[in-house]
């Protein structure tokens, strides 16, 4: 069970933000905090769907005065267990994006997924170092370090971050880079949550006009020969090539290719 919120304080919070404030029982709350994994259903006391950095500051200030823990979610891909109680700051509305081809830098809002970043960068022959899914949140993925198909050649996504904009627990917006708030910058590049609410990151892009890649699916009965073949094949790959393998239990649903639908693979 959650706590009883001060209705006057909630009303003041609603007046002070541009985004939307939900409390338990409000229509729209469940949709705002829905996760990539539908089995995980959050039940916070209050949600602030922020529309800008000032909203984040007001949300953190409210949570501090009310004694509420603060969690942050954009796309919900990183959710591992349900959140019960406290505040969720939903950053999915922070979807600003700019790409400077002269410097090779992209400014990426905290709610943005990789797909629009890839598309915008590709217009200039550039690419971000990403994971294998274009629907994952760019900032959340990078805060965890970020290792994907380009890792063998380019390293972690976090290696390419040049700056963060962060709302701190004391209600300030700060920049964290190699010259300013260096310890915070170091911690955010792989430290994931708990260090502040990231509102934006500046990411260096790499020149990349083509990429060869893809996936091959086998049904459960082919696991052993497929693994043995993969071991032999991957041993001969050049150093810059990245490959991985996963064993999945795919549910009966639309989307998976016929050989793997409703079967372990």
Foldseek 3Di string as FASTA:
>chain_A
DEDDDDPVLVVVLCVQAPFDKDAFPDPPPQVLQQAPPNVATAAEGMETAHQDPSNQLSVLVSCVVVVFDEAEDAHRDPDDHYHHYGYYYYQLNLADWDADLVQQKMKGFQNHFQVVVQVVQLVNQWGQQAAPDRRDGPLQCQQQFGDHFQCLPPNTSLVFWAWWFFQASVRDTDIEGCVPVPVLSVCSRRVRDDGTHTGITMGHIGRHNDDDDDDDDAFPVCVVVVVVVCVVVVVPDDRRGDDDDDWDQAEQDPDDPVRRHRGID
